[in-house]
Amino acid sequence: MCNSCNIRVNKLPALLARLACGEMALNDYMSSVRLLQDRPKILLEGSIGKGSAISLMKILGYSIGGQRVTNTDLDAYFGQIWHKEGDNVRWSPDIFAELQLIQ
């Protein structure tokens, strides 16, 4: 059992930790996330290739609780997917909470 998975706070980082540690099945995770009223969504454009491989093409935007969000810090954070500079990648378990867009 993963020690960091002992706290069961119903927030995205805790749910992701449980999923990563194998304490939660993907379907259970998805059901739990659906219950978060203000869950953030990243709107992506992509395509499905051979072997069902998903190729992300670009980020179309973000929403929280059904409301569209415009934030240059989110753009920079997720822009790392396409504009990675060396081995320096900023990572956050919940960038939306870190930027105080959700609580």
N, C-alpha and C. Protein backbone atom coordinates (compact mmCIF):
# COMPACT_ATOMS: atom_id res chain seq x y z
N MET A 1 0.84 -1.18 0.00
CA MET A 1 0.00 0.00 0.00
C MET A 1 0.88 1.25 0.00
N CYS A 2 0.54 2.21 -0.79
CA CYS A 2 1.31 3.44 -0.90
C CYS A 2 1.01 4.35 0.29
N ASN A 3 2.06 4.80 1.00
CA ASN A 3 1.87 5.64 2.18
C ASN A 3 1.18 6.96 1.85
N SER A 4 1.46 7.52 0.68
CA SER A 4 0.85 8.80 0.34
C SER A 4 -0.63 8.66 0.00
N CYS A 5 -1.14 7.43 -0.05
CA CYS A 5 -2.54 7.22 -0.40
C CYS A 5 -3.43 7.06 0.82
N ASN A 6 -2.90 7.23 2.03
CA ASN A 6 -3.68 7.03 3.24
C ASN A 6 -4.72 8.11 3.47
N ILE A 7 -4.45 9.34 3.04
CA ILE A 7 -5.40 10.43 3.24
C ILE A 7 -6.44 10.35 2.13
N ARG A 8 -7.69 10.29 2.50
CA ARG A 8 -8.76 10.12 1.51
C ARG A 8 -9.60 11.39 1.40
N VAL A 9 -8.96 12.47 0.99
CA VAL A 9 -9.65 13.74 0.78
C VAL A 9 -10.26 13.68 -0.60
N ASN A 10 -11.52 14.08 -0.72
CA ASN A 10 -12.21 13.97 -2.00
C ASN A 10 -11.82 15.13 -2.92
N LYS A 11 -10.56 15.20 -3.25
CA LYS A 11 -10.04 16.20 -4.18
C LYS A 11 -9.23 15.48 -5.24
N LEU A 12 -9.04 16.14 -6.32
CA LEU A 12 -8.35 15.54 -7.45
C LEU A 12 -6.98 14.96 -7.13
N PRO A 13 -6.08 15.67 -6.43
CA PRO A 13 -4.77 15.07 -6.16
C PRO A 13 -4.85 13.78 -5.36
N ALA A 14 -5.74 13.71 -4.38
CA ALA A 14 -5.87 12.50 -3.57
C ALA A 14 -6.43 11.36 -4.42
N LEU A 15 -7.39 11.67 -5.26
CA LEU A 15 -7.96 10.63 -6.13
C LEU A 15 -6.91 10.13 -7.12
N LEU A 16 -6.12 11.04 -7.67
CA LEU A 16 -5.06 10.63 -8.60
C LEU A 16 -4.03 9.75 -7.90
N ALA A 17 -3.70 10.09 -6.65
CA ALA A 17 -2.74 9.29 -5.90
C ALA A 17 -3.27 7.88 -5.67
N ARG A 18 -4.54 7.77 -5.33
CA ARG A 18 -5.15 6.44 -5.12
C ARG A 18 -5.15 5.64 -6.42
N LEU A 19 -5.45 6.30 -7.52
CA LEU A 19 -5.44 5.63 -8.81
C LEU A 19 -4.04 5.15 -9.15
N ALA A 20 -3.05 6.03 -8.96
CA ALA A 20 -1.66 5.69 -9.27
C ALA A 20 -1.13 4.55 -8.40
N CYS A 21 -1.61 4.46 -7.18
CA CYS A 21 -1.14 3.42 -6.25
C CYS A 21 -1.89 2.11 -6.43
N GLY A 22 -2.85 2.08 -7.32
CA GLY A 22 -3.60 0.85 -7.55
C GLY A 22 -4.67 0.58 -6.51
N GLU A 23 -4.99 1.59 -5.69
CA GLU A 23 -6.03 1.42 -4.68
C GLU A 23 -7.41 1.71 -5.23
N MET A 24 -7.46 2.21 -6.45
CA MET A 24 -8.73 2.59 -7.04
C MET A 24 -8.71 2.20 -8.52
N ALA A 25 -9.79 1.59 -8.97
CA ALA A 25 -9.92 1.24 -10.38
C ALA A 25 -10.25 2.49 -11.18
N LEU A 26 -9.94 2.48 -12.47
CA LEU A 26 -10.19 3.63 -13.32
C LEU A 26 -11.66 4.02 -13.33
N ASN A 27 -12.56 3.06 -13.39
CA ASN A 27 -14.00 3.37 -13.38
C ASN A 27 -14.42 4.04 -12.09
N ASP A 28 -13.86 3.60 -10.95
CA ASP A 28 -14.17 4.23 -9.66
C ASP A 28 -13.64 5.66 -9.63
N TYR A 29 -12.44 5.86 -10.18
CA TYR A 29 -11.87 7.20 -10.25
C TYR A 29 -12.77 8.12 -11.07
N MET A 30 -13.18 7.63 -12.24
CA MET A 30 -14.03 8.44 -13.12
C MET A 30 -15.35 8.78 -12.45
N SER A 31 -15.93 7.84 -11.71
CA SER A 31 -17.17 8.10 -11.00
C SER A 31 -16.97 9.14 -9.91
N SER A 32 -15.85 9.07 -9.21
CA SER A 32 -15.56 10.02 -8.14
C SER A 32 -15.34 11.42 -8.70
N VAL A 33 -14.64 11.51 -9.82
CA VAL A 33 -14.37 12.81 -10.42
C VAL A 33 -15.65 13.44 -10.93
N ARG A 34 -16.55 12.64 -11.44
CA ARG A 34 -17.83 13.17 -11.91
C ARG A 34 -18.61 13.84 -10.79
N LEU A 35 -18.37 13.44 -9.54
CA LEU A 35 -19.09 14.01 -8.42
C LEU A 35 -18.56 15.38 -8.02
N LEU A 36 -17.37 15.74 -8.44
CA LEU A 36 -16.82 17.06 -8.13
C LEU A 36 -17.58 18.10 -8.94
N GLN A 37 -18.28 18.98 -8.26
CA GLN A 37 -19.12 19.95 -8.96
C GLN A 37 -18.33 20.89 -9.85
N ASP A 38 -17.19 21.34 -9.37
CA ASP A 38 -16.41 22.32 -10.11
C ASP A 38 -15.17 21.71 -10.73
N ARG A 39 -15.27 20.45 -11.17
CA ARG A 39 -14.08 19.80 -11.69
C ARG A 39 -13.59 20.51 -12.95
N PRO A 40 -12.29 20.69 -13.04
CA PRO A 40 -11.73 21.34 -14.23
C PRO A 40 -11.69 20.37 -15.41
N LYS A 41 -11.83 20.93 -16.59
CA LYS A 41 -11.73 20.15 -17.82
C LYS A 41 -10.77 20.87 -18.75
N ILE A 42 -9.98 20.07 -19.43
CA ILE A 42 -9.08 20.59 -20.46
C ILE A 42 -9.67 20.14 -21.79
N LEU A 43 -9.96 21.07 -22.65
CA LEU A 43 -10.56 20.77 -23.93
C LEU A 43 -9.44 20.59 -24.95
N LEU A 44 -9.30 19.38 -25.47
CA LEU A 44 -8.19 19.04 -26.36
C LEU A 44 -8.68 18.67 -27.75
N GLU A 45 -7.84 18.90 -28.72
CA GLU A 45 -8.08 18.40 -30.07
C GLU A 45 -7.03 17.34 -30.34
N GLY A 46 -7.46 16.24 -30.90
CA GLY A 46 -6.53 15.16 -31.19
C GLY A 46 -7.09 14.23 -32.24
N SER A 47 -6.33 13.17 -32.48
CA SER A 47 -6.78 12.16 -33.44
C SER A 47 -6.41 10.78 -32.90
N ILE A 48 -7.12 9.79 -33.40
CA ILE A 48 -6.85 8.41 -33.02
C ILE A 48 -6.19 7.72 -34.21
N GLY A 49 -5.01 7.17 -33.98
CA GLY A 49 -4.26 6.54 -35.04
C GLY A 49 -4.26 5.03 -34.94
N LYS A 50 -3.25 4.42 -35.52
CA LYS A 50 -3.11 2.96 -35.51
C LYS A 50 -3.01 2.44 -34.09
N GLY A 51 -3.64 1.31 -33.85
CA GLY A 51 -3.60 0.70 -32.54
C GLY A 51 -4.30 1.54 -31.49
N SER A 52 -5.21 2.40 -31.91
CA SER A 52 -5.96 3.30 -31.03
C SER A 52 -5.07 4.29 -30.28
N ALA A 53 -3.88 4.57 -30.83
CA ALA A 53 -2.99 5.56 -30.22
C ALA A 53 -3.60 6.95 -30.38
N ILE A 54 -3.60 7.71 -29.29
CA ILE A 54 -4.16 9.06 -29.31
C ILE A 54 -3.02 10.06 -29.51
N SER A 55 -3.19 10.91 -30.48
CA SER A 55 -2.22 11.97 -30.75
C SER A 55 -2.87 13.31 -30.44
N LEU A 56 -2.35 13.99 -29.41
CA LEU A 56 -2.87 15.31 -29.07
C LEU A 56 -2.32 16.32 -30.04
N MET A 57 -3.19 17.23 -30.49
CA MET A 57 -2.76 18.23 -31.47
C MET A 57 -2.68 19.62 -30.85
N LYS A 58 -3.69 19.99 -30.05
CA LYS A 58 -3.64 21.30 -29.41
C LYS A 58 -4.70 21.38 -28.31
N ILE A 59 -4.51 22.36 -27.44
CA ILE A 59 -5.47 22.64 -26.38
C ILE A 59 -6.42 23.71 -26.90
N LEU A 60 -7.71 23.41 -26.79
CA LEU A 60 -8.72 24.35 -27.26
C LEU A 60 -9.18 25.30 -26.17
N GLY A 61 -9.00 24.91 -24.90
CA GLY A 61 -9.40 25.77 -23.80
C GLY A 61 -9.60 24.98 -22.53
N TYR A 62 -10.17 25.65 -21.52
CA TYR A 62 -10.39 25.05 -20.21
C TYR A 62 -11.76 25.48 -19.71
N SER A 63 -12.34 24.65 -18.84
CA SER A 63 -13.58 25.03 -18.17
C SER A 63 -13.58 24.47 -16.76
N ILE A 64 -14.30 25.17 -15.89
CA ILE A 64 -14.48 24.73 -14.52
C ILE A 64 -15.96 24.87 -14.20
N GLY A 65 -16.58 23.75 -13.81
CA GLY A 65 -18.00 23.77 -13.50
C GLY A 65 -18.85 24.25 -14.67
N GLY A 66 -18.43 23.94 -15.89
CA GLY A 66 -19.17 24.32 -17.08
C GLY A 66 -18.90 25.74 -17.56
N GLN A 67 -18.09 26.51 -16.81
CA GLN A 67 -17.76 27.87 -17.21
C GLN A 67 -16.39 27.91 -17.87
N ARG A 68 -16.30 28.56 -18.99
CA ARG A 68 -15.04 28.69 -19.71
C ARG A 68 -14.04 29.51 -18.88
N VAL A 69 -12.78 29.10 -18.87
CA VAL A 69 -11.73 29.78 -18.12
C VAL A 69 -10.63 30.20 -19.08
N THR A 70 -10.21 31.46 -18.96
CA THR A 70 -9.06 31.96 -19.72
C THR A 70 -8.00 32.32 -18.70
N ASN A 71 -6.80 31.74 -18.84
CA ASN A 71 -5.74 31.97 -17.88
C ASN A 71 -4.40 31.74 -18.55
N THR A 72 -3.58 32.77 -18.59
CA THR A 72 -2.28 32.65 -19.27
C THR A 72 -1.34 31.69 -18.53
N ASP A 73 -1.48 31.56 -17.20
CA ASP A 73 -0.65 30.61 -16.46
C ASP A 73 -1.00 29.17 -16.83
N LEU A 74 -2.30 28.90 -17.05
CA LEU A 74 -2.70 27.57 -17.53
C LEU A 74 -2.14 27.32 -18.92
N ASP A 75 -2.20 28.33 -19.78
CA ASP A 75 -1.65 28.19 -21.13
C ASP A 75 -0.17 27.83 -21.08
N ALA A 76 0.58 28.52 -20.22
CA ALA A 76 2.02 28.25 -20.10
C ALA A 76 2.28 26.87 -19.53
N TYR A 77 1.50 26.48 -18.52
CA TYR A 77 1.69 25.17 -17.88
C TYR A 77 1.44 24.05 -18.88
N PHE A 78 0.30 24.07 -19.53
CA PHE A 78 -0.02 22.99 -20.47
C PHE A 78 0.73 23.13 -21.79
N GLY A 79 1.23 24.32 -22.08
CA GLY A 79 2.05 24.52 -23.27
C GLY A 79 3.35 23.74 -23.24
N GLN A 80 3.73 23.30 -22.04
CA GLN A 80 4.95 22.50 -21.91
C GLN A 80 4.86 21.19 -22.71
N ILE A 81 3.65 20.75 -22.97
CA ILE A 81 3.46 19.52 -23.76
C ILE A 81 4.13 19.67 -25.13
N TRP A 82 3.99 20.85 -25.71
CA TRP A 82 4.51 21.07 -27.06
C TRP A 82 5.81 21.86 -27.08
N HIS A 83 6.09 22.60 -26.02
CA HIS A 83 7.26 23.48 -26.03
C HIS A 83 8.22 23.15 -24.91
N LYS A 84 8.51 21.90 -24.73
CA LYS A 84 9.40 21.47 -23.65
C LYS A 84 10.81 22.00 -23.90
N GLU A 85 11.39 22.59 -22.84
CA GLU A 85 12.74 23.12 -22.93
C GLU A 85 13.67 22.27 -22.08
N GLY A 86 14.43 21.40 -22.70
CA GLY A 86 15.35 20.52 -21.97
C GLY A 86 14.60 19.57 -21.05
N ASP A 87 15.18 19.31 -19.90
CA ASP A 87 14.56 18.41 -18.94
C ASP A 87 13.77 19.15 -17.87
N ASN A 88 13.66 20.46 -17.99
CA ASN A 88 12.95 21.25 -16.98
C ASN A 88 11.47 21.34 -17.33
N VAL A 89 10.67 20.59 -16.58
CA VAL A 89 9.23 20.61 -16.77
C VAL A 89 8.59 20.93 -15.43
N ARG A 90 7.75 21.94 -15.41
CA ARG A 90 7.02 22.27 -14.19
C ARG A 90 5.89 21.27 -14.07
N TRP A 91 5.70 20.71 -12.87
CA TRP A 91 4.64 19.73 -12.64
C TRP A 91 3.88 20.10 -11.39
N SER A 92 2.58 19.91 -11.42
CA SER A 92 1.72 20.13 -10.26
C SER A 92 0.68 19.03 -10.24
N PRO A 93 0.37 18.47 -9.04
CA PRO A 93 -0.68 17.45 -8.98
C PRO A 93 -2.05 18.04 -9.29
N ASP A 94 -2.22 19.35 -9.11
CA ASP A 94 -3.49 20.01 -9.43
C ASP A 94 -3.21 21.48 -9.73
N ILE A 95 -2.88 21.76 -10.96
CA ILE A 95 -2.53 23.13 -11.36
C ILE A 95 -3.69 24.08 -11.17
N PHE A 96 -4.93 23.62 -11.31
CA PHE A 96 -6.09 24.49 -11.14
C PHE A 96 -6.19 24.97 -9.69
N ALA A 97 -5.92 24.09 -8.73
CA ALA A 97 -5.93 24.48 -7.32
C ALA A 97 -4.71 25.36 -7.01
N GLU A 98 -3.56 25.02 -7.57
CA GLU A 98 -2.36 25.81 -7.34
C GLU A 98 -2.53 27.25 -7.78
N LEU A 99 -3.23 27.45 -8.89
CA LEU A 99 -3.50 28.79 -9.40
C LEU A 99 -4.73 29.43 -8.75
N GLN A 100 -5.29 28.75 -7.76
CA GLN A 100 -6.44 29.20 -6.99
C GLN A 100 -7.67 29.43 -7.88
N LEU A 101 -7.81 28.59 -8.91
CA LEU A 101 -8.99 28.64 -9.75
C LEU A 101 -10.12 27.81 -9.17
N ILE A 102 -9.73 26.80 -8.36
CA ILE A 102 -10.69 25.99 -7.60
C ILE A 102 -10.14 25.81 -6.20
N GLN A 103 -10.99 25.40 -5.29
CA GLN A 103 -10.55 25.18 -3.91
C GLN A 103 -10.69 23.72 -3.55
